[in-house]
Amino acid sequence: MEQLNARRRYVLDVILPQVVPSSYGDAKFKLIDSKWKPGAGYTTCGGLPAHVANQLGVTDKCRAQGIVGSGLASLRDAAMMQNAWVHHDLQLRWFANDMKIEGTMKRPKPGDLYLLCSGEESAHKTNCICLSTKTKGRPAKVEHVGVIISAEGTLWKTADAGQSNGNAQCAKYCDRTFNPGTGLLTGETDGTGGRPMRRLCGWLDIDKYPFTKFPV
């Protein structure tokens, strides 16, 4: 793994162990979401990036913009408002593969807050709700959020809440396979046990976001 700055090291070594791994009913899990219970009808995945953001420290302005909210869209909006959003560029990846210069590909780094979206490849490139909130038709939309642990090669590791633990939810470290040809990141399905359909939409670059701890 590459050498990480103090902010990224703090996310991996201090913040995430506060809550991962944990399950519904644990005191640790309540730091992610203290209100969720079986049958609540929503996922807790947004609570993990919100916890990370809160622990990194935010200004009143950033708090008002929703960075510590647990909504999936609020994370995207907060990143965009502070110019910290990186949209996953499929064209760049194709170019890199064709020319065999894969090292130039944009990839999230450990500690970044990532988003997965649904929708076809064309929707992600031109009609993704993470590009504009005014998209029409059938736009790609945010389906899951989490924290990057490693994004090297095709075998990635992430930290995620909203995971299934029987009838309850939990937070855990997940192994995922990234397909650079399609942009799909396995580990999330369509909810019916079908094919993986979650596309790497982009991420909040924690070095670009004005967190108050460990200025970079």
N, C-alpha and C. Protein backbone atom coordinates (compact mmCIF):
# COMPACT_ATOMS: atom_id res chain seq x y z
N MET A 1 0.84 -1.20 0.00
CA MET A 1 0.00 0.00 0.00
C MET A 1 0.87 1.25 0.00
N GLU A 2 0.44 2.26 -0.73
CA GLU A 2 1.21 3.49 -0.82
C GLU A 2 1.31 4.19 0.53
N GLN A 3 2.32 5.05 0.64
CA GLN A 3 2.48 5.84 1.86
C GLN A 3 1.31 6.80 2.01
N LEU A 4 0.67 6.81 3.16
CA LEU A 4 -0.52 7.63 3.36
C LEU A 4 -0.20 8.81 4.26
N ASN A 5 -0.89 9.93 4.00
CA ASN A 5 -0.71 11.09 4.86
C ASN A 5 -1.45 10.87 6.18
N ALA A 6 -1.29 11.82 7.10
CA ALA A 6 -1.84 11.67 8.45
C ALA A 6 -3.36 11.57 8.45
N ARG A 7 -4.02 12.31 7.57
CA ARG A 7 -5.49 12.27 7.52
C ARG A 7 -5.97 10.88 7.10
N ARG A 8 -5.41 10.34 6.06
CA ARG A 8 -5.83 9.03 5.58
C ARG A 8 -5.48 7.93 6.59
N ARG A 9 -4.32 8.04 7.22
CA ARG A 9 -3.91 7.07 8.22
C ARG A 9 -4.88 7.10 9.40
N TYR A 10 -5.34 8.29 9.77
CA TYR A 10 -6.26 8.45 10.89
C TYR A 10 -7.59 7.77 10.59
N VAL A 11 -8.05 7.88 9.35
CA VAL A 11 -9.31 7.21 8.97
C VAL A 11 -9.18 5.71 9.13
N LEU A 12 -8.11 5.14 8.60
CA LEU A 12 -7.95 3.69 8.61
C LEU A 12 -7.61 3.13 10.00
N ASP A 13 -6.76 3.84 10.73
CA ASP A 13 -6.24 3.28 11.99
C ASP A 13 -7.05 3.65 13.22
N VAL A 14 -7.78 4.78 13.16
CA VAL A 14 -8.49 5.25 14.35
C VAL A 14 -10.00 5.28 14.15
N ILE A 15 -10.46 5.97 13.10
CA ILE A 15 -11.90 6.18 12.95
C ILE A 15 -12.64 4.88 12.62
N LEU A 16 -12.21 4.16 11.61
CA LEU A 16 -12.95 2.96 11.21
C LEU A 16 -13.00 1.90 12.31
N PRO A 17 -11.91 1.64 13.04
CA PRO A 17 -12.00 0.65 14.12
C PRO A 17 -12.98 1.04 15.24
N GLN A 18 -13.37 2.30 15.30
CA GLN A 18 -14.37 2.70 16.29
C GLN A 18 -15.71 2.02 16.03
N VAL A 19 -15.97 1.68 14.75
CA VAL A 19 -17.30 1.18 14.39
C VAL A 19 -17.30 -0.09 13.54
N VAL A 20 -16.16 -0.48 13.02
CA VAL A 20 -16.07 -1.65 12.14
C VAL A 20 -15.07 -2.65 12.72
N PRO A 21 -15.46 -3.93 12.88
CA PRO A 21 -16.79 -4.47 12.58
C PRO A 21 -17.76 -4.25 13.75
N SER A 22 -19.03 -4.23 13.43
CA SER A 22 -20.07 -4.13 14.46
C SER A 22 -21.40 -4.57 13.86
N SER A 23 -22.33 -4.88 14.71
CA SER A 23 -23.66 -5.33 14.28
C SER A 23 -24.74 -4.59 15.05
N TYR A 24 -25.94 -4.61 14.51
CA TYR A 24 -27.08 -4.00 15.17
C TYR A 24 -27.17 -4.52 16.61
N GLY A 25 -27.31 -3.59 17.54
CA GLY A 25 -27.35 -3.93 18.95
C GLY A 25 -26.06 -3.63 19.67
N ASP A 26 -24.95 -3.55 18.92
CA ASP A 26 -23.67 -3.20 19.52
C ASP A 26 -23.60 -1.70 19.78
N ALA A 27 -22.88 -1.34 20.82
CA ALA A 27 -22.67 0.08 21.09
C ALA A 27 -21.91 0.74 19.94
N LYS A 28 -20.99 0.01 19.33
CA LYS A 28 -20.23 0.54 18.21
C LYS A 28 -21.14 0.86 17.03
N PHE A 29 -22.10 -0.02 16.76
CA PHE A 29 -22.99 0.19 15.62
C PHE A 29 -23.89 1.40 15.83
N LYS A 30 -24.20 1.71 17.08
CA LYS A 30 -25.05 2.87 17.36
C LYS A 30 -24.36 4.18 16.98
N LEU A 31 -23.02 4.17 16.88
CA LEU A 31 -22.32 5.37 16.41
C LEU A 31 -22.56 5.60 14.93
N ILE A 32 -22.92 4.54 14.22
CA ILE A 32 -23.26 4.65 12.80
C ILE A 32 -24.72 5.05 12.64
N ASP A 33 -25.59 4.36 13.38
CA ASP A 33 -27.02 4.65 13.31
C ASP A 33 -27.67 4.15 14.60
N SER A 34 -28.11 5.06 15.43
CA SER A 34 -28.70 4.69 16.73
C SER A 34 -30.20 4.43 16.63
N LYS A 35 -30.81 4.73 15.48
CA LYS A 35 -32.26 4.62 15.35
C LYS A 35 -32.70 3.39 14.55
N TRP A 36 -31.79 2.84 13.74
CA TRP A 36 -32.20 1.72 12.90
C TRP A 36 -32.58 0.50 13.73
N LYS A 37 -33.58 -0.24 13.26
CA LYS A 37 -33.96 -1.51 13.85
C LYS A 37 -34.55 -2.38 12.75
N PRO A 38 -34.58 -3.68 12.92
CA PRO A 38 -35.15 -4.55 11.87
C PRO A 38 -36.54 -4.09 11.46
N GLY A 39 -36.74 -4.00 10.18
CA GLY A 39 -38.02 -3.54 9.65
C GLY A 39 -38.08 -2.05 9.43
N ALA A 40 -36.96 -1.33 9.69
CA ALA A 40 -36.97 0.13 9.55
C ALA A 40 -37.16 0.58 8.11
N GLY A 41 -36.81 -0.26 7.16
CA GLY A 41 -37.09 0.08 5.77
C GLY A 41 -36.05 0.95 5.09
N TYR A 42 -34.89 1.09 5.68
CA TYR A 42 -33.83 1.85 5.02
C TYR A 42 -32.48 1.22 5.36
N THR A 43 -31.49 1.54 4.57
CA THR A 43 -30.16 1.01 4.79
C THR A 43 -29.33 1.96 5.65
N THR A 44 -28.38 1.41 6.36
CA THR A 44 -27.53 2.23 7.24
C THR A 44 -26.19 2.58 6.59
N CYS A 45 -26.03 2.30 5.31
CA CYS A 45 -24.71 2.48 4.70
C CYS A 45 -24.23 3.92 4.78
N GLY A 46 -25.14 4.89 4.68
CA GLY A 46 -24.74 6.29 4.71
C GLY A 46 -24.20 6.75 6.05
N GLY A 47 -24.51 5.99 7.10
CA GLY A 47 -24.05 6.38 8.43
C GLY A 47 -22.55 6.23 8.62
N LEU A 48 -21.92 5.32 7.86
CA LEU A 48 -20.49 5.12 8.04
C LEU A 48 -19.67 6.28 7.48
N PRO A 49 -19.87 6.71 6.22
CA PRO A 49 -19.15 7.90 5.74
C PRO A 49 -19.47 9.14 6.57
N ALA A 50 -20.70 9.24 7.07
CA ALA A 50 -21.07 10.38 7.91
C ALA A 50 -20.27 10.37 9.20
N HIS A 51 -20.07 9.19 9.77
CA HIS A 51 -19.27 9.07 11.00
C HIS A 51 -17.83 9.47 10.72
N VAL A 52 -17.29 9.01 9.60
CA VAL A 52 -15.92 9.36 9.23
C VAL A 52 -15.78 10.87 9.09
N ALA A 53 -16.72 11.49 8.38
CA ALA A 53 -16.67 12.94 8.17
C ALA A 53 -16.76 13.68 9.50
N ASN A 54 -17.64 13.24 10.37
CA ASN A 54 -17.81 13.90 11.66
C ASN A 54 -16.54 13.81 12.49
N GLN A 55 -15.88 12.67 12.44
CA GLN A 55 -14.65 12.47 13.22
C GLN A 55 -13.47 13.25 12.64
N LEU A 56 -13.51 13.53 11.35
CA LEU A 56 -12.46 14.32 10.71
C LEU A 56 -12.63 15.81 10.99
N GLY A 57 -13.81 16.19 11.46
CA GLY A 57 -14.06 17.57 11.82
C GLY A 57 -14.57 18.39 10.65
N VAL A 58 -15.69 19.07 10.85
CA VAL A 58 -16.27 19.88 9.78
C VAL A 58 -16.65 21.25 10.33
N THR A 59 -16.63 22.23 9.46
CA THR A 59 -17.05 23.57 9.83
C THR A 59 -18.58 23.63 9.88
N ASP A 60 -19.11 24.68 10.44
CA ASP A 60 -20.57 24.85 10.49
C ASP A 60 -21.14 24.91 9.08
N LYS A 61 -20.42 25.55 8.17
CA LYS A 61 -20.89 25.64 6.79
C LYS A 61 -20.98 24.27 6.16
N CYS A 62 -19.93 23.46 6.33
CA CYS A 62 -19.94 22.11 5.75
C CYS A 62 -21.00 21.24 6.40
N ARG A 63 -21.20 21.41 7.69
CA ARG A 63 -22.24 20.64 8.37
C ARG A 63 -23.61 20.98 7.79
N ALA A 64 -23.84 22.25 7.53
CA ALA A 64 -25.12 22.68 6.95
C ALA A 64 -25.31 22.14 5.53
N GLN A 65 -24.21 21.87 4.85
CA GLN A 65 -24.29 21.33 3.49
C GLN A 65 -24.58 19.84 3.47
N GLY A 66 -24.58 19.21 4.64
CA GLY A 66 -25.02 17.82 4.74
C GLY A 66 -23.96 16.76 4.75
N ILE A 67 -22.69 17.12 4.95
CA ILE A 67 -21.63 16.12 4.90
C ILE A 67 -21.76 15.08 6.00
N VAL A 68 -22.34 15.43 7.14
CA VAL A 68 -22.48 14.46 8.21
C VAL A 68 -23.89 13.86 8.26
N GLY A 69 -24.68 14.12 7.23
CA GLY A 69 -25.97 13.47 7.12
C GLY A 69 -25.77 12.05 6.62
N SER A 70 -26.72 11.17 6.90
CA SER A 70 -26.55 9.77 6.51
C SER A 70 -27.19 9.46 5.17
N GLY A 71 -27.73 10.47 4.49
CA GLY A 71 -28.33 10.24 3.18
C GLY A 71 -27.27 10.03 2.11
N LEU A 72 -27.56 9.16 1.15
CA LEU A 72 -26.61 8.88 0.08
C LEU A 72 -26.39 10.11 -0.78
N ALA A 73 -27.48 10.81 -1.10
CA ALA A 73 -27.37 11.99 -1.95
C ALA A 73 -26.65 13.13 -1.25
N SER A 74 -26.79 13.20 0.08
CA SER A 74 -26.16 14.31 0.80
C SER A 74 -24.64 14.22 0.74
N LEU A 75 -24.10 13.02 0.70
CA LEU A 75 -22.65 12.86 0.57
C LEU A 75 -22.18 13.36 -0.79
N ARG A 76 -22.90 12.97 -1.83
CA ARG A 76 -22.58 13.44 -3.18
C ARG A 76 -22.66 14.95 -3.27
N ASP A 77 -23.74 15.52 -2.76
CA ASP A 77 -23.94 16.97 -2.84
C ASP A 77 -22.85 17.72 -2.08
N ALA A 78 -22.51 17.22 -0.89
CA ALA A 78 -21.49 17.88 -0.09
C ALA A 78 -20.14 17.87 -0.80
N ALA A 79 -19.82 16.77 -1.43
CA ALA A 79 -18.56 16.67 -2.17
C ALA A 79 -18.54 17.64 -3.34
N MET A 80 -19.65 17.73 -4.05
CA MET A 80 -19.71 18.62 -5.22
C MET A 80 -19.62 20.08 -4.80
N MET A 81 -20.26 20.44 -3.69
CA MET A 81 -20.26 21.84 -3.26
C MET A 81 -18.88 22.31 -2.82
N GLN A 82 -18.01 21.39 -2.45
CA GLN A 82 -16.66 21.76 -2.01
C GLN A 82 -15.60 21.35 -3.03
N ASN A 83 -16.03 21.05 -4.26
CA ASN A 83 -15.11 20.66 -5.34
C ASN A 83 -14.22 19.48 -4.94
N ALA A 84 -14.79 18.56 -4.19
CA ALA A 84 -14.05 17.38 -3.76
C ALA A 84 -14.58 16.10 -4.40
N TRP A 85 -15.50 16.24 -5.35
CA TRP A 85 -16.09 15.08 -6.02
C TRP A 85 -15.25 14.68 -7.22
N VAL A 86 -14.94 13.38 -7.33
CA VAL A 86 -14.23 12.84 -8.49
C VAL A 86 -15.15 11.85 -9.17
N HIS A 87 -15.58 12.18 -10.38
CA HIS A 87 -16.47 11.29 -11.12
C HIS A 87 -15.64 10.26 -11.85
N HIS A 88 -15.99 8.99 -11.71
CA HIS A 88 -15.20 7.93 -12.32
C HIS A 88 -15.28 8.04 -13.84
N ASP A 89 -14.13 8.20 -14.47
CA ASP A 89 -14.05 8.47 -15.90
C ASP A 89 -13.83 7.18 -16.67
N LEU A 90 -14.89 6.67 -17.28
CA LEU A 90 -14.78 5.43 -18.03
C LEU A 90 -13.92 5.62 -19.28
N GLN A 91 -14.01 6.77 -19.93
CA GLN A 91 -13.23 7.00 -21.13
C GLN A 91 -11.74 6.94 -20.83
N LEU A 92 -11.34 7.52 -19.71
CA LEU A 92 -9.94 7.51 -19.32
C LEU A 92 -9.49 6.07 -19.12
N ARG A 93 -10.34 5.24 -18.53
CA ARG A 93 -9.96 3.87 -18.28
C ARG A 93 -9.77 3.10 -19.59
N TRP A 94 -10.68 3.31 -20.55
CA TRP A 94 -10.54 2.64 -21.83
C TRP A 94 -9.23 3.04 -22.50
N PHE A 95 -8.95 4.31 -22.49
CA PHE A 95 -7.71 4.80 -23.09
C PHE A 95 -6.51 4.16 -22.42
N ALA A 96 -6.54 4.10 -21.10
CA ALA A 96 -5.41 3.54 -20.36
C ALA A 96 -5.23 2.07 -20.70
N ASN A 97 -6.34 1.32 -20.82
CA ASN A 97 -6.23 -0.09 -21.14
C ASN A 97 -5.69 -0.31 -22.54
N ASP A 98 -6.19 0.45 -23.50
CA ASP A 98 -5.76 0.31 -24.89
C ASP A 98 -4.27 0.57 -25.03
N MET A 99 -3.80 1.57 -24.30
CA MET A 99 -2.40 1.97 -24.41
C MET A 99 -1.50 1.24 -23.40
N LYS A 100 -2.13 0.39 -22.57
CA LYS A 100 -1.39 -0.37 -21.57
C LYS A 100 -0.60 0.53 -20.62
N ILE A 101 -1.25 1.62 -20.22
CA ILE A 101 -0.65 2.52 -19.23
C ILE A 101 -1.64 2.66 -18.07
N GLU A 102 -1.94 1.51 -17.50
CA GLU A 102 -2.98 1.45 -16.48
C GLU A 102 -2.66 2.31 -15.26
N GLY A 103 -1.38 2.60 -15.06
CA GLY A 103 -1.01 3.38 -13.90
C GLY A 103 -1.52 4.80 -13.93
N THR A 104 -1.98 5.29 -15.08
CA THR A 104 -2.48 6.64 -15.17
C THR A 104 -3.97 6.74 -14.81
N MET A 105 -4.60 5.61 -14.56
CA MET A 105 -6.02 5.62 -14.25
C MET A 105 -6.30 6.35 -12.93
N LYS A 106 -7.37 7.08 -12.91
CA LYS A 106 -7.80 7.70 -11.66
C LYS A 106 -8.43 6.62 -10.79
N ARG A 107 -7.96 6.54 -9.57
CA ARG A 107 -8.51 5.58 -8.63
C ARG A 107 -8.66 6.27 -7.27
N PRO A 108 -9.66 5.85 -6.51
CA PRO A 108 -9.76 6.39 -5.14
C PRO A 108 -8.59 5.89 -4.32
N LYS A 109 -8.29 6.61 -3.25
CA LYS A 109 -7.21 6.24 -2.34
C LYS A 109 -7.80 5.79 -1.01
N PRO A 110 -7.02 5.08 -0.21
CA PRO A 110 -7.52 4.66 1.10
C PRO A 110 -8.05 5.84 1.92
N GLY A 111 -9.24 5.67 2.44
CA GLY A 111 -9.88 6.73 3.22
C GLY A 111 -10.91 7.52 2.45
N ASP A 112 -10.86 7.48 1.11
CA ASP A 112 -11.86 8.20 0.32
C ASP A 112 -13.24 7.59 0.52
N LEU A 113 -14.26 8.41 0.38
CA LEU A 113 -15.65 7.99 0.56
C LEU A 113 -16.25 7.73 -0.81
N TYR A 114 -16.51 6.47 -1.12
CA TYR A 114 -16.90 6.11 -2.48
C TYR A 114 -18.40 5.93 -2.63
N LEU A 115 -18.87 6.06 -3.87
CA LEU A 115 -20.28 5.89 -4.18
C LEU A 115 -20.42 4.91 -5.34
N LEU A 116 -21.43 4.06 -5.25
CA LEU A 116 -21.79 3.17 -6.34
C LEU A 116 -23.13 3.61 -6.89
N CYS A 117 -23.27 3.55 -8.22
CA CYS A 117 -24.54 3.93 -8.83
C CYS A 117 -25.07 2.79 -9.68
N SER A 118 -26.33 2.85 -9.99
CA SER A 118 -26.96 1.88 -10.87
C SER A 118 -27.04 2.49 -12.27
N GLY A 119 -27.61 1.74 -13.18
CA GLY A 119 -27.79 2.30 -14.51
C GLY A 119 -26.77 1.77 -15.50
N GLU A 120 -27.10 1.93 -16.77
CA GLU A 120 -26.20 1.49 -17.81
C GLU A 120 -24.98 2.41 -17.90
N GLU A 121 -23.98 1.94 -18.58
CA GLU A 121 -22.73 2.69 -18.71
C GLU A 121 -22.96 4.08 -19.29
N SER A 122 -23.83 4.16 -20.31
CA SER A 122 -24.09 5.46 -20.94
C SER A 122 -24.73 6.43 -19.98
N ALA A 123 -25.57 5.91 -19.06
CA ALA A 123 -26.22 6.79 -18.08
C ALA A 123 -25.18 7.35 -17.12
N HIS A 124 -24.23 6.51 -16.73
CA HIS A 124 -23.17 6.98 -15.83
C HIS A 124 -22.35 8.08 -16.49
N LYS A 125 -22.07 7.96 -17.77
CA LYS A 125 -21.19 8.90 -18.46
C LYS A 125 -21.88 10.22 -18.79
N THR A 126 -23.17 10.16 -19.13
CA THR A 126 -23.82 11.37 -19.62
C THR A 126 -25.07 11.78 -18.85
N ASN A 127 -25.66 10.87 -18.07
CA ASN A 127 -26.92 11.19 -17.42
C ASN A 127 -26.93 10.71 -15.98
N CYS A 128 -25.78 10.87 -15.32
CA CYS A 128 -25.66 10.41 -13.93
C CYS A 128 -26.10 11.52 -13.00
N ILE A 129 -26.85 11.15 -11.98
CA ILE A 129 -27.33 12.15 -11.03
C ILE A 129 -26.18 12.78 -10.25
N CYS A 130 -25.01 12.13 -10.30
CA CYS A 130 -23.83 12.70 -9.65
C CYS A 130 -23.14 13.73 -10.53
N LEU A 131 -23.57 13.87 -11.77
CA LEU A 131 -23.07 14.93 -12.63
C LEU A 131 -23.97 16.14 -12.56
N SER A 132 -25.25 15.90 -12.44
CA SER A 132 -26.22 16.98 -12.35
C SER A 132 -27.47 16.48 -11.66
N THR A 133 -28.01 17.28 -10.76
CA THR A 133 -29.25 16.90 -10.09
C THR A 133 -30.47 17.15 -10.99
N LYS A 134 -30.24 17.67 -12.20
CA LYS A 134 -31.34 17.97 -13.13
C LYS A 134 -31.45 16.94 -14.24
N THR A 135 -30.85 15.77 -14.05
CA THR A 135 -30.91 14.73 -15.06
C THR A 135 -32.35 14.28 -15.28
N LYS A 136 -32.65 13.88 -16.50
CA LYS A 136 -33.99 13.45 -16.85
C LYS A 136 -33.95 12.02 -17.37
N GLY A 137 -35.12 11.47 -17.63
CA GLY A 137 -35.18 10.12 -18.15
C GLY A 137 -34.88 9.11 -17.06
N ARG A 138 -34.00 8.17 -17.35
CA ARG A 138 -33.63 7.14 -16.38
C ARG A 138 -32.17 7.32 -16.00
N PRO A 139 -31.89 8.26 -15.14
CA PRO A 139 -30.49 8.54 -14.80
C PRO A 139 -29.90 7.47 -13.90
N ALA A 140 -28.58 7.37 -13.91
CA ALA A 140 -27.90 6.54 -12.92
C ALA A 140 -28.01 7.26 -11.58
N LYS A 141 -28.30 6.54 -10.54
CA LYS A 141 -28.45 7.17 -9.22
C LYS A 141 -27.64 6.43 -8.17
N VAL A 142 -27.34 7.11 -7.08
CA VAL A 142 -26.53 6.53 -6.02
C VAL A 142 -27.28 5.37 -5.36
N GLU A 143 -26.59 4.25 -5.21
CA GLU A 143 -27.19 3.07 -4.60
C GLU A 143 -26.49 2.65 -3.31
N HIS A 144 -25.22 3.03 -3.16
CA HIS A 144 -24.48 2.59 -1.97
C HIS A 144 -23.29 3.52 -1.76
N VAL A 145 -22.90 3.70 -0.50
CA VAL A 145 -21.72 4.50 -0.17
C VAL A 145 -20.90 3.75 0.88
N GLY A 146 -19.61 4.00 0.89
CA GLY A 146 -18.74 3.35 1.85
C GLY A 146 -17.38 4.02 1.87
N VAL A 147 -16.40 3.33 2.44
CA VAL A 147 -15.06 3.88 2.60
C VAL A 147 -14.04 2.96 1.94
N ILE A 148 -13.15 3.52 1.17
CA ILE A 148 -12.11 2.74 0.50
C ILE A 148 -10.99 2.37 1.48
N ILE A 149 -10.64 1.10 1.50
CA ILE A 149 -9.48 0.64 2.25
C ILE A 149 -8.30 0.44 1.30
N SER A 150 -8.56 -0.21 0.18
CA SER A 150 -7.54 -0.42 -0.84
C SER A 150 -8.22 -0.50 -2.20
N ALA A 151 -7.64 0.16 -3.20
CA ALA A 151 -8.19 0.14 -4.55
C ALA A 151 -7.08 -0.15 -5.56
N GLU A 152 -6.27 -1.14 -5.25
CA GLU A 152 -5.17 -1.52 -6.12
C GLU A 152 -5.56 -2.72 -6.97
N GLY A 153 -5.14 -2.72 -8.23
CA GLY A 153 -5.44 -3.83 -9.11
C GLY A 153 -6.93 -4.04 -9.28
N THR A 154 -7.36 -5.28 -9.26
CA THR A 154 -8.79 -5.59 -9.42
C THR A 154 -9.41 -6.11 -8.13
N LEU A 155 -8.59 -6.39 -7.11
CA LEU A 155 -9.11 -6.87 -5.83
C LEU A 155 -9.07 -5.74 -4.82
N TRP A 156 -10.23 -5.21 -4.51
CA TRP A 156 -10.34 -4.05 -3.64
C TRP A 156 -10.86 -4.47 -2.27
N LYS A 157 -10.62 -3.62 -1.28
CA LYS A 157 -11.20 -3.81 0.05
C LYS A 157 -11.87 -2.51 0.46
N THR A 158 -13.06 -2.63 1.02
CA THR A 158 -13.81 -1.46 1.45
C THR A 158 -14.36 -1.68 2.86
N ALA A 159 -14.76 -0.61 3.50
CA ALA A 159 -15.48 -0.68 4.78
C ALA A 159 -16.89 -0.20 4.51
N ASP A 160 -17.89 -0.99 4.93
CA ASP A 160 -19.27 -0.69 4.57
C ASP A 160 -20.23 -0.99 5.71
N ALA A 161 -21.18 -0.11 5.90
CA ALA A 161 -22.32 -0.40 6.76
C ALA A 161 -23.48 -0.78 5.84
N GLY A 162 -24.62 -1.10 6.44
CA GLY A 162 -25.76 -1.49 5.63
C GLY A 162 -25.66 -2.91 5.12
N GLN A 163 -24.71 -3.68 5.64
CA GLN A 163 -24.54 -5.05 5.19
C GLN A 163 -25.50 -5.98 5.94
N SER A 164 -25.81 -7.09 5.31
CA SER A 164 -26.77 -8.03 5.90
C SER A 164 -26.12 -8.91 6.94
N ASN A 165 -26.81 -9.05 8.07
CA ASN A 165 -26.38 -9.96 9.13
C ASN A 165 -27.64 -10.67 9.63
N GLY A 166 -28.13 -11.57 8.81
CA GLY A 166 -29.41 -12.19 9.11
C GLY A 166 -30.53 -11.20 8.84
N ASN A 167 -31.34 -10.92 9.85
CA ASN A 167 -32.43 -9.95 9.71
C ASN A 167 -32.00 -8.54 10.11
N ALA A 168 -30.75 -8.40 10.50
CA ALA A 168 -30.25 -7.10 10.95
C ALA A 168 -29.16 -6.60 10.01
N GLN A 169 -28.64 -5.42 10.31
CA GLN A 169 -27.58 -4.86 9.51
C GLN A 169 -26.31 -4.76 10.34
N CYS A 170 -25.18 -4.67 9.63
CA CYS A 170 -23.91 -4.61 10.31
C CYS A 170 -22.94 -3.76 9.51
N ALA A 171 -21.79 -3.53 10.08
CA ALA A 171 -20.70 -2.83 9.39
C ALA A 171 -19.51 -3.78 9.37
N LYS A 172 -18.88 -3.89 8.21
CA LYS A 172 -17.77 -4.84 8.10
C LYS A 172 -16.84 -4.43 6.96
N TYR A 173 -15.70 -5.09 6.92
CA TYR A 173 -14.77 -4.92 5.81
C TYR A 173 -15.16 -5.90 4.71
N CYS A 174 -15.20 -5.41 3.49
CA CYS A 174 -15.65 -6.24 2.37
C CYS A 174 -14.57 -6.37 1.31
N ASP A 175 -14.43 -7.56 0.75
CA ASP A 175 -13.57 -7.78 -0.40
C ASP A 175 -14.41 -7.64 -1.65
N ARG A 176 -13.93 -6.85 -2.59
CA ARG A 176 -14.69 -6.60 -3.81
C ARG A 176 -13.78 -6.78 -5.03
N THR A 177 -14.38 -7.15 -6.14
CA THR A 177 -13.65 -7.27 -7.39
C THR A 177 -14.06 -6.15 -8.32
N PHE A 178 -13.08 -5.40 -8.78
CA PHE A 178 -13.33 -4.29 -9.69
C PHE A 178 -13.05 -4.73 -11.12
N ASN A 179 -14.00 -4.50 -12.01
CA ASN A 179 -13.84 -4.83 -13.42
C ASN A 179 -13.55 -3.53 -14.18
N PRO A 180 -12.29 -3.29 -14.59
CA PRO A 180 -11.96 -2.03 -15.27
C PRO A 180 -12.59 -1.91 -16.64
N GLY A 181 -13.09 -3.03 -17.19
CA GLY A 181 -13.73 -2.96 -18.50
C GLY A 181 -15.17 -2.48 -18.45
N THR A 182 -15.84 -2.71 -17.31
CA THR A 182 -17.25 -2.32 -17.19
C THR A 182 -17.48 -1.26 -16.13
N GLY A 183 -16.54 -1.11 -15.21
CA GLY A 183 -16.73 -0.15 -14.12
C GLY A 183 -17.52 -0.71 -12.97
N LEU A 184 -17.88 -2.02 -13.03
CA LEU A 184 -18.66 -2.63 -11.96
C LEU A 184 -17.76 -3.04 -10.80
N LEU A 185 -18.27 -2.84 -9.61
CA LEU A 185 -17.57 -3.24 -8.39
C LEU A 185 -18.45 -4.26 -7.69
N THR A 186 -18.07 -5.51 -7.71
CA THR A 186 -18.93 -6.56 -7.18
C THR A 186 -19.04 -6.46 -5.67
N GLY A 187 -20.06 -7.13 -5.15
CA GLY A 187 -20.32 -7.07 -3.73
C GLY A 187 -21.65 -6.43 -3.44
N GLU A 188 -22.20 -5.75 -4.42
CA GLU A 188 -23.56 -5.20 -4.33
C GLU A 188 -24.36 -5.80 -5.46
N THR A 189 -25.60 -6.24 -5.19
CA THR A 189 -26.42 -6.82 -6.22
C THR A 189 -27.69 -6.00 -6.40
N ASP A 190 -28.57 -6.49 -7.27
CA ASP A 190 -29.78 -5.74 -7.58
C ASP A 190 -30.87 -5.93 -6.54
N GLY A 191 -30.56 -6.58 -5.43
CA GLY A 191 -31.55 -6.75 -4.36
C GLY A 191 -32.38 -8.01 -4.50
N THR A 192 -32.24 -8.73 -5.61
CA THR A 192 -33.00 -9.95 -5.83
C THR A 192 -32.07 -11.14 -6.02
N GLY A 193 -30.81 -10.95 -5.72
CA GLY A 193 -29.85 -12.02 -5.90
C GLY A 193 -29.34 -12.13 -7.31
N GLY A 194 -29.65 -11.16 -8.14
CA GLY A 194 -29.24 -11.19 -9.54
C GLY A 194 -27.81 -10.72 -9.74
N ARG A 195 -27.49 -10.41 -10.97
CA ARG A 195 -26.11 -10.06 -11.31
C ARG A 195 -25.68 -8.78 -10.59
N PRO A 196 -24.38 -8.63 -10.33
CA PRO A 196 -23.88 -7.37 -9.76
C PRO A 196 -24.24 -6.22 -10.68
N MET A 197 -24.74 -5.14 -10.11
CA MET A 197 -25.16 -4.03 -10.96
C MET A 197 -24.69 -2.69 -10.42
N ARG A 198 -23.82 -2.70 -9.45
CA ARG A 198 -23.38 -1.43 -8.88
C ARG A 198 -22.12 -0.98 -9.59
N ARG A 199 -22.16 0.20 -10.12
CA ARG A 199 -21.05 0.76 -10.88
C ARG A 199 -20.27 1.75 -10.00
N LEU A 200 -18.96 1.74 -10.09
CA LEU A 200 -18.18 2.74 -9.37
C LEU A 200 -18.50 4.09 -9.98
N CYS A 201 -19.24 4.89 -9.23
CA CYS A 201 -19.69 6.19 -9.73
C CYS A 201 -18.61 7.25 -9.52
N GLY A 202 -18.01 7.25 -8.34
CA GLY A 202 -16.99 8.24 -8.03
C GLY A 202 -16.72 8.24 -6.55
N TRP A 203 -16.06 9.30 -6.08
CA TRP A 203 -15.72 9.33 -4.67
C TRP A 203 -15.46 10.75 -4.20
N LEU A 204 -15.59 10.94 -2.90
CA LEU A 204 -15.21 12.19 -2.25
C LEU A 204 -13.74 12.03 -1.87
N ASP A 205 -12.90 12.88 -2.45
CA ASP A 205 -11.47 12.87 -2.16
C ASP A 205 -11.26 13.58 -0.83
N ILE A 206 -10.88 12.83 0.20
CA ILE A 206 -10.80 13.45 1.53
C ILE A 206 -9.65 14.46 1.64
N ASP A 207 -8.71 14.43 0.71
CA ASP A 207 -7.66 15.46 0.71
C ASP A 207 -8.17 16.78 0.17
N LYS A 208 -9.19 16.73 -0.68
CA LYS A 208 -9.74 17.94 -1.28
C LYS A 208 -10.83 18.57 -0.42
N TYR A 209 -11.41 17.78 0.48
CA TYR A 209 -12.50 18.30 1.30
C TYR A 209 -11.91 19.04 2.51
N PRO A 210 -12.48 20.19 2.89
CA PRO A 210 -11.90 21.01 3.97
C PRO A 210 -12.21 20.51 5.38
N PHE A 211 -11.85 19.25 5.66
CA PHE A 211 -11.97 18.76 7.03
C PHE A 211 -11.00 19.53 7.91
N THR A 212 -11.32 19.64 9.19
CA THR A 212 -10.51 20.48 10.06
C THR A 212 -9.33 19.76 10.71
N LYS A 213 -9.36 18.42 10.73
CA LYS A 213 -8.24 17.66 11.31
C LYS A 213 -7.22 17.32 10.23
N PHE A 214 -5.97 17.44 10.57
CA PHE A 214 -4.87 17.09 9.68
C PHE A 214 -4.99 17.81 8.33
N PRO A 215 -4.91 19.14 8.32
CA PRO A 215 -4.99 19.89 7.05
C PRO A 215 -3.95 19.37 6.06
N VAL A 216 -4.34 19.29 4.78
CA VAL A 216 -3.42 18.81 3.75
C VAL A 216 -3.28 19.87 2.66
